[in-house]
Amino acid sequence: MATIETSISINQPVGKVFEFLANVENQKALNSTITEVVTSGKAAVGAKFTVKGQVMGREFKSDNEIVAFEPNQKLGIKTLAPPPASDVINMYTLESEGNGTKLHLSMEAAVTPGTENLVVPQLRAGLDTALAAIKKAIGG
């Protein structure tokens, strides 16, 4: 299991950033391939949601579960992958930084031994892209 970490400063208060993240339907605004987010209710530990979309003409669906939910502090989302793939956990941690927010994002993912030097930088780049999209979406 590899842990990949990155962070970004956002010129918005922690509460606004957390509110945006906790509304999983906002994922549509962050990724043009996502066409629908189906939730099973209010965001809380154990809540499940499905992300649907299309990439290169092929439809995809991913099932997700909120595994950590501490308002204005932490949000963890586990993407449940069908075998032979492995589940991935993305953990967002927020802290005050002046009048803004320092948003940390870590990913726990299974990486095939011997491919770390190739795969980990690609995963980190994906996380950096996600954080930049969040910052842009909330005007930070």
N, C-alpha and C. Protein backbone atom coordinates (compact mmCIF):
# COMPACT_ATOMS: atom_id res chain seq x y z
N MET A 1 0.85 -1.17 0.00
CA MET A 1 0.00 0.00 0.00
C MET A 1 0.90 1.23 0.00
N ALA A 2 0.61 2.16 -0.89
CA ALA A 2 1.36 3.42 -0.96
C ALA A 2 0.48 4.55 -0.44
N THR A 3 1.09 5.49 0.25
CA THR A 3 0.39 6.70 0.67
C THR A 3 0.99 7.86 -0.08
N ILE A 4 0.14 8.57 -0.79
CA ILE A 4 0.55 9.72 -1.59
C ILE A 4 -0.09 10.94 -0.95
N GLU A 5 0.70 12.01 -0.72
CA GLU A 5 0.18 13.18 -0.03
C GLU A 5 0.53 14.46 -0.79
N THR A 6 -0.37 15.43 -0.70
CA THR A 6 -0.13 16.75 -1.27
C THR A 6 -1.06 17.73 -0.55
N SER A 7 -0.87 19.02 -0.80
CA SER A 7 -1.73 20.01 -0.15
C SER A 7 -1.77 21.28 -0.98
N ILE A 8 -2.73 22.16 -0.64
CA ILE A 8 -2.90 23.43 -1.34
C ILE A 8 -3.47 24.44 -0.34
N SER A 9 -3.13 25.69 -0.54
CA SER A 9 -3.71 26.78 0.25
C SER A 9 -4.89 27.35 -0.52
N ILE A 10 -6.00 27.57 0.18
CA ILE A 10 -7.22 28.09 -0.42
C ILE A 10 -7.64 29.32 0.38
N ASN A 11 -7.89 30.40 -0.32
CA ASN A 11 -8.24 31.67 0.32
C ASN A 11 -9.74 31.71 0.64
N GLN A 12 -10.20 30.70 1.34
CA GLN A 12 -11.59 30.62 1.81
C GLN A 12 -11.56 29.99 3.20
N PRO A 13 -12.54 30.33 4.05
CA PRO A 13 -12.56 29.76 5.40
C PRO A 13 -12.77 28.24 5.39
N VAL A 14 -12.27 27.60 6.44
CA VAL A 14 -12.36 26.15 6.57
C VAL A 14 -13.80 25.66 6.40
N GLY A 15 -14.75 26.34 7.00
CA GLY A 15 -16.15 25.91 6.92
C GLY A 15 -16.67 25.86 5.50
N LYS A 16 -16.30 26.84 4.69
CA LYS A 16 -16.75 26.87 3.29
C LYS A 16 -16.10 25.73 2.50
N VAL A 17 -14.82 25.49 2.73
CA VAL A 17 -14.14 24.42 2.01
C VAL A 17 -14.73 23.07 2.40
N PHE A 18 -14.95 22.85 3.70
CA PHE A 18 -15.51 21.57 4.14
C PHE A 18 -16.91 21.36 3.57
N GLU A 19 -17.71 22.41 3.59
CA GLU A 19 -19.08 22.31 3.07
C GLU A 19 -19.07 21.89 1.61
N PHE A 20 -18.15 22.45 0.83
CA PHE A 20 -18.04 22.09 -0.58
C PHE A 20 -17.66 20.62 -0.73
N LEU A 21 -16.65 20.17 0.03
CA LEU A 21 -16.19 18.79 -0.06
C LEU A 21 -17.27 17.80 0.38
N ALA A 22 -17.99 18.13 1.46
CA ALA A 22 -18.97 17.22 2.03
C ALA A 22 -20.18 17.04 1.13
N ASN A 23 -20.41 17.96 0.21
CA ASN A 23 -21.49 17.80 -0.76
C ASN A 23 -20.92 17.02 -1.94
N VAL A 24 -21.03 15.71 -1.89
CA VAL A 24 -20.38 14.85 -2.89
C VAL A 24 -20.90 15.11 -4.31
N GLU A 25 -22.06 15.73 -4.44
CA GLU A 25 -22.56 16.07 -5.78
C GLU A 25 -21.66 17.10 -6.46
N ASN A 26 -20.84 17.81 -5.69
CA ASN A 26 -19.91 18.78 -6.28
C ASN A 26 -18.83 18.09 -7.11
N GLN A 27 -18.70 16.79 -7.01
CA GLN A 27 -17.71 16.09 -7.82
C GLN A 27 -17.97 16.30 -9.30
N LYS A 28 -19.22 16.52 -9.68
CA LYS A 28 -19.54 16.79 -11.09
C LYS A 28 -18.86 18.07 -11.57
N ALA A 29 -18.73 19.05 -10.70
CA ALA A 29 -18.09 20.31 -11.07
C ALA A 29 -16.57 20.18 -11.18
N LEU A 30 -16.02 19.13 -10.60
CA LEU A 30 -14.57 18.96 -10.56
C LEU A 30 -14.04 18.05 -11.66
N ASN A 31 -14.91 17.27 -12.27
CA ASN A 31 -14.46 16.29 -13.25
C ASN A 31 -15.48 16.20 -14.38
N SER A 32 -15.08 16.62 -15.57
CA SER A 32 -16.01 16.67 -16.70
C SER A 32 -16.49 15.30 -17.16
N THR A 33 -15.82 14.23 -16.74
CA THR A 33 -16.26 12.89 -17.14
C THR A 33 -17.42 12.39 -16.28
N ILE A 34 -17.66 13.04 -15.14
CA ILE A 34 -18.75 12.62 -14.24
C ILE A 34 -20.05 13.24 -14.72
N THR A 35 -21.05 12.38 -14.92
CA THR A 35 -22.35 12.84 -15.40
C THR A 35 -23.43 12.82 -14.31
N GLU A 36 -23.21 12.01 -13.27
CA GLU A 36 -24.23 11.87 -12.23
C GLU A 36 -23.60 11.37 -10.94
N VAL A 37 -24.10 11.90 -9.82
CA VAL A 37 -23.72 11.41 -8.50
C VAL A 37 -25.01 11.05 -7.79
N VAL A 38 -25.13 9.79 -7.39
CA VAL A 38 -26.34 9.29 -6.73
C VAL A 38 -26.00 9.05 -5.27
N THR A 39 -26.69 9.78 -4.39
CA THR A 39 -26.41 9.66 -2.95
C THR A 39 -27.52 8.90 -2.26
N SER A 40 -27.19 8.42 -1.05
CA SER A 40 -28.19 7.69 -0.26
C SER A 40 -28.62 8.52 0.95
N GLY A 41 -28.39 9.81 0.89
CA GLY A 41 -28.80 10.66 2.00
C GLY A 41 -27.69 11.60 2.44
N LYS A 42 -27.83 12.05 3.66
CA LYS A 42 -26.92 13.04 4.23
C LYS A 42 -25.50 12.49 4.38
N ALA A 43 -24.51 13.36 4.18
CA ALA A 43 -23.10 12.97 4.33
C ALA A 43 -22.80 12.65 5.78
N ALA A 44 -22.31 11.44 6.03
CA ALA A 44 -21.94 10.97 7.36
C ALA A 44 -21.14 9.69 7.19
N VAL A 45 -20.43 9.30 8.22
CA VAL A 45 -19.69 8.04 8.15
C VAL A 45 -20.66 6.91 7.83
N GLY A 46 -20.30 6.11 6.85
CA GLY A 46 -21.14 4.98 6.42
C GLY A 46 -22.04 5.30 5.24
N ALA A 47 -22.23 6.59 4.94
CA ALA A 47 -23.06 6.97 3.79
C ALA A 47 -22.39 6.49 2.50
N LYS A 48 -23.20 6.03 1.59
CA LYS A 48 -22.69 5.52 0.32
C LYS A 48 -23.21 6.40 -0.82
N PHE A 49 -22.40 6.49 -1.88
CA PHE A 49 -22.84 7.20 -3.06
C PHE A 49 -22.16 6.57 -4.28
N THR A 50 -22.79 6.77 -5.43
CA THR A 50 -22.29 6.21 -6.68
C THR A 50 -22.00 7.35 -7.65
N VAL A 51 -20.85 7.26 -8.28
CA VAL A 51 -20.46 8.23 -9.29
C VAL A 51 -20.57 7.53 -10.65
N LYS A 52 -21.28 8.20 -11.58
CA LYS A 52 -21.43 7.65 -12.93
C LYS A 52 -20.85 8.65 -13.92
N GLY A 53 -20.31 8.11 -15.02
CA GLY A 53 -19.75 9.00 -16.02
C GLY A 53 -19.42 8.28 -17.29
N GLN A 54 -18.64 8.99 -18.11
CA GLN A 54 -18.27 8.43 -19.40
C GLN A 54 -16.86 8.92 -19.76
N VAL A 55 -16.02 7.97 -20.15
CA VAL A 55 -14.66 8.27 -20.61
C VAL A 55 -14.44 7.58 -21.95
N MET A 56 -14.05 8.35 -22.93
CA MET A 56 -13.78 7.83 -24.27
C MET A 56 -14.91 6.94 -24.78
N GLY A 57 -16.14 7.39 -24.59
CA GLY A 57 -17.30 6.67 -25.10
C GLY A 57 -17.75 5.50 -24.25
N ARG A 58 -17.04 5.21 -23.16
CA ARG A 58 -17.42 4.09 -22.29
C ARG A 58 -17.97 4.61 -20.97
N GLU A 59 -19.07 4.02 -20.57
CA GLU A 59 -19.67 4.41 -19.30
C GLU A 59 -18.92 3.74 -18.15
N PHE A 60 -18.86 4.44 -17.03
CA PHE A 60 -18.26 3.86 -15.83
C PHE A 60 -19.14 4.18 -14.63
N LYS A 61 -18.93 3.42 -13.60
CA LYS A 61 -19.65 3.60 -12.34
C LYS A 61 -18.69 3.24 -11.22
N SER A 62 -18.64 4.07 -10.18
CA SER A 62 -17.83 3.70 -9.02
C SER A 62 -18.66 3.90 -7.76
N ASP A 63 -18.61 2.90 -6.90
CA ASP A 63 -19.30 2.95 -5.62
C ASP A 63 -18.33 3.48 -4.58
N ASN A 64 -18.84 4.35 -3.71
CA ASN A 64 -18.01 5.03 -2.72
C ASN A 64 -18.69 5.00 -1.37
N GLU A 65 -17.88 5.16 -0.33
CA GLU A 65 -18.39 5.21 1.04
C GLU A 65 -17.62 6.26 1.83
N ILE A 66 -18.34 7.06 2.60
CA ILE A 66 -17.68 8.02 3.49
C ILE A 66 -17.17 7.25 4.70
N VAL A 67 -15.86 7.29 4.92
CA VAL A 67 -15.24 6.52 6.01
C VAL A 67 -14.74 7.42 7.15
N ALA A 68 -14.71 8.72 6.93
CA ALA A 68 -14.35 9.68 7.98
C ALA A 68 -15.14 10.95 7.74
N PHE A 69 -15.71 11.50 8.80
CA PHE A 69 -16.50 12.73 8.67
C PHE A 69 -16.42 13.49 9.98
N GLU A 70 -15.53 14.46 10.02
CA GLU A 70 -15.39 15.34 11.18
C GLU A 70 -15.53 16.76 10.65
N PRO A 71 -16.71 17.39 10.86
CA PRO A 71 -16.96 18.70 10.28
C PRO A 71 -15.80 19.68 10.48
N ASN A 72 -15.45 20.33 9.37
CA ASN A 72 -14.40 21.34 9.31
C ASN A 72 -13.01 20.81 9.63
N GLN A 73 -12.85 19.48 9.69
CA GLN A 73 -11.55 18.90 10.00
C GLN A 73 -11.12 17.81 9.02
N LYS A 74 -12.02 16.85 8.77
CA LYS A 74 -11.60 15.68 8.00
C LYS A 74 -12.78 15.06 7.27
N LEU A 75 -12.49 14.61 6.03
CA LEU A 75 -13.46 13.85 5.22
C LEU A 75 -12.70 12.75 4.51
N GLY A 76 -13.12 11.52 4.71
CA GLY A 76 -12.49 10.38 4.07
C GLY A 76 -13.48 9.67 3.17
N ILE A 77 -13.05 9.37 1.94
CA ILE A 77 -13.91 8.69 0.97
C ILE A 77 -13.18 7.46 0.44
N LYS A 78 -13.83 6.32 0.58
CA LYS A 78 -13.28 5.06 0.05
C LYS A 78 -14.00 4.74 -1.25
N THR A 79 -13.22 4.56 -2.31
CA THR A 79 -13.76 4.11 -3.58
C THR A 79 -13.62 2.60 -3.62
N LEU A 80 -14.74 1.92 -3.76
CA LEU A 80 -14.79 0.47 -3.72
C LEU A 80 -14.56 -0.08 -5.12
N ALA A 81 -13.45 -0.77 -5.29
CA ALA A 81 -13.07 -1.26 -6.62
C ALA A 81 -13.36 -2.75 -6.74
N PRO A 82 -13.94 -3.16 -7.85
CA PRO A 82 -14.17 -4.59 -8.05
C PRO A 82 -12.84 -5.30 -8.32
N PRO A 83 -12.71 -6.55 -7.87
CA PRO A 83 -11.48 -7.31 -8.13
C PRO A 83 -11.22 -7.40 -9.63
N PRO A 84 -10.00 -7.38 -10.06
CA PRO A 84 -8.78 -7.54 -9.29
C PRO A 84 -8.23 -6.22 -8.73
N ALA A 85 -8.90 -5.09 -9.00
CA ALA A 85 -8.44 -3.80 -8.48
C ALA A 85 -8.62 -3.75 -6.96
N SER A 86 -8.00 -2.78 -6.33
CA SER A 86 -8.09 -2.61 -4.88
C SER A 86 -8.79 -1.30 -4.56
N ASP A 87 -9.43 -1.27 -3.39
CA ASP A 87 -10.08 -0.06 -2.92
C ASP A 87 -9.04 1.05 -2.75
N VAL A 88 -9.49 2.29 -2.87
CA VAL A 88 -8.64 3.46 -2.70
C VAL A 88 -9.31 4.37 -1.67
N ILE A 89 -8.53 4.91 -0.74
CA ILE A 89 -9.06 5.84 0.24
C ILE A 89 -8.42 7.21 0.03
N ASN A 90 -9.27 8.22 -0.15
CA ASN A 90 -8.82 9.61 -0.22
C ASN A 90 -9.24 10.30 1.07
N MET A 91 -8.27 10.92 1.75
CA MET A 91 -8.54 11.59 3.01
C MET A 91 -8.23 13.07 2.86
N TYR A 92 -9.25 13.91 3.07
CA TYR A 92 -9.09 15.36 3.05
C TYR A 92 -8.99 15.83 4.50
N THR A 93 -7.95 16.59 4.81
CA THR A 93 -7.76 17.14 6.14
C THR A 93 -7.62 18.65 5.99
N LEU A 94 -8.37 19.39 6.80
CA LEU A 94 -8.40 20.84 6.68
C LEU A 94 -7.83 21.48 7.94
N GLU A 95 -7.10 22.59 7.75
CA GLU A 95 -6.62 23.36 8.90
C GLU A 95 -6.66 24.83 8.53
N SER A 96 -6.90 25.66 9.55
CA SER A 96 -6.90 27.10 9.33
C SER A 96 -5.51 27.57 8.96
N GLU A 97 -5.48 28.51 8.04
CA GLU A 97 -4.22 29.11 7.61
C GLU A 97 -4.52 30.61 7.42
N GLY A 98 -4.31 31.39 8.49
CA GLY A 98 -4.73 32.79 8.45
C GLY A 98 -6.23 32.86 8.31
N ASN A 99 -6.70 33.59 7.28
CA ASN A 99 -8.14 33.66 7.00
C ASN A 99 -8.59 32.57 6.04
N GLY A 100 -7.65 31.75 5.60
CA GLY A 100 -7.96 30.72 4.62
C GLY A 100 -7.82 29.32 5.18
N THR A 101 -7.59 28.38 4.28
CA THR A 101 -7.55 26.96 4.62
C THR A 101 -6.35 26.30 3.95
N LYS A 102 -5.68 25.46 4.70
CA LYS A 102 -4.68 24.56 4.13
C LYS A 102 -5.40 23.23 3.97
N LEU A 103 -5.57 22.78 2.74
CA LEU A 103 -6.27 21.53 2.46
C LEU A 103 -5.25 20.47 2.08
N HIS A 104 -5.18 19.43 2.89
CA HIS A 104 -4.28 18.30 2.64
C HIS A 104 -5.10 17.17 2.05
N LEU A 105 -4.52 16.46 1.09
CA LEU A 105 -5.18 15.31 0.50
C LEU A 105 -4.18 14.16 0.47
N SER A 106 -4.58 13.05 1.06
CA SER A 106 -3.73 11.85 1.00
C SER A 106 -4.55 10.72 0.40
N MET A 107 -3.84 9.84 -0.31
CA MET A 107 -4.46 8.69 -0.95
C MET A 107 -3.72 7.44 -0.52
N GLU A 108 -4.47 6.45 -0.11
CA GLU A 108 -3.91 5.12 0.16
C GLU A 108 -4.35 4.23 -0.99
N ALA A 109 -3.36 3.71 -1.71
CA ALA A 109 -3.67 2.89 -2.88
C ALA A 109 -2.68 1.74 -2.98
N ALA A 110 -3.15 0.62 -3.46
CA ALA A 110 -2.27 -0.51 -3.71
C ALA A 110 -1.48 -0.23 -4.98
N VAL A 111 -0.16 -0.38 -4.87
CA VAL A 111 0.72 -0.15 -6.02
C VAL A 111 1.55 -1.41 -6.22
N THR A 112 1.58 -1.90 -7.42
CA THR A 112 2.35 -3.10 -7.72
C THR A 112 3.83 -2.88 -7.41
N PRO A 113 4.42 -3.77 -6.60
CA PRO A 113 5.84 -3.62 -6.27
C PRO A 113 6.70 -3.47 -7.53
N GLY A 114 7.62 -2.54 -7.46
CA GLY A 114 8.50 -2.29 -8.59
C GLY A 114 8.01 -1.20 -9.53
N THR A 115 6.74 -0.77 -9.36
CA THR A 115 6.20 0.28 -10.23
C THR A 115 6.04 1.61 -9.51
N GLU A 116 6.46 1.67 -8.25
CA GLU A 116 6.25 2.86 -7.43
C GLU A 116 6.80 4.12 -8.08
N ASN A 117 8.02 4.05 -8.64
CA ASN A 117 8.65 5.24 -9.22
C ASN A 117 7.89 5.78 -10.42
N LEU A 118 7.10 4.96 -11.05
CA LEU A 118 6.30 5.39 -12.19
C LEU A 118 4.89 5.80 -11.75
N VAL A 119 4.28 4.98 -10.91
CA VAL A 119 2.87 5.17 -10.56
C VAL A 119 2.66 6.29 -9.54
N VAL A 120 3.48 6.35 -8.51
CA VAL A 120 3.27 7.34 -7.44
C VAL A 120 3.30 8.78 -7.98
N PRO A 121 4.26 9.17 -8.82
CA PRO A 121 4.21 10.54 -9.36
C PRO A 121 2.94 10.83 -10.17
N GLN A 122 2.44 9.83 -10.89
CA GLN A 122 1.20 10.01 -11.66
C GLN A 122 0.02 10.21 -10.71
N LEU A 123 -0.03 9.42 -9.64
CA LEU A 123 -1.12 9.57 -8.67
C LEU A 123 -1.04 10.94 -7.98
N ARG A 124 0.18 11.37 -7.61
CA ARG A 124 0.35 12.68 -6.97
C ARG A 124 -0.10 13.80 -7.92
N ALA A 125 0.23 13.69 -9.19
CA ALA A 125 -0.20 14.69 -10.17
C ALA A 125 -1.73 14.74 -10.25
N GLY A 126 -2.37 13.58 -10.18
CA GLY A 126 -3.83 13.54 -10.18
C GLY A 126 -4.42 14.22 -8.95
N LEU A 127 -3.78 14.01 -7.80
CA LEU A 127 -4.24 14.66 -6.57
C LEU A 127 -4.05 16.17 -6.66
N ASP A 128 -2.91 16.60 -7.19
CA ASP A 128 -2.67 18.04 -7.36
C ASP A 128 -3.71 18.67 -8.28
N THR A 129 -4.06 17.96 -9.34
CA THR A 129 -5.09 18.44 -10.27
C THR A 129 -6.44 18.55 -9.56
N ALA A 130 -6.76 17.56 -8.73
CA ALA A 130 -8.03 17.59 -7.98
C ALA A 130 -8.08 18.78 -7.02
N LEU A 131 -6.97 19.01 -6.31
CA LEU A 131 -6.95 20.14 -5.37
C LEU A 131 -7.06 21.48 -6.10
N ALA A 132 -6.40 21.61 -7.24
CA ALA A 132 -6.50 22.84 -8.03
C ALA A 132 -7.94 23.07 -8.50
N ALA A 133 -8.63 22.01 -8.87
CA ALA A 133 -10.02 22.11 -9.31
C ALA A 133 -10.92 22.54 -8.15
N ILE A 134 -10.67 22.01 -6.96
CA ILE A 134 -11.45 22.41 -5.78
C ILE A 134 -11.23 23.89 -5.51
N LYS A 135 -9.97 24.33 -5.52
CA LYS A 135 -9.65 25.73 -5.27
C LYS A 135 -10.35 26.63 -6.28
N LYS A 136 -10.32 26.27 -7.54
CA LYS A 136 -10.95 27.06 -8.59
C LYS A 136 -12.47 27.10 -8.40
N ALA A 137 -13.06 25.95 -8.08
CA ALA A 137 -14.51 25.85 -7.95
C ALA A 137 -15.06 26.71 -6.82
N ILE A 138 -14.30 26.86 -5.74
CA ILE A 138 -14.81 27.65 -4.61
C ILE A 138 -14.21 29.05 -4.55
N GLY A 139 -13.47 29.41 -5.58
CA GLY A 139 -12.95 30.77 -5.68
C GLY A 139 -11.89 31.10 -4.67
N GLY A 140 -10.96 30.19 -4.50
CA GLY A 140 -9.94 30.40 -3.47
C GLY A 140 -8.58 30.62 -3.99
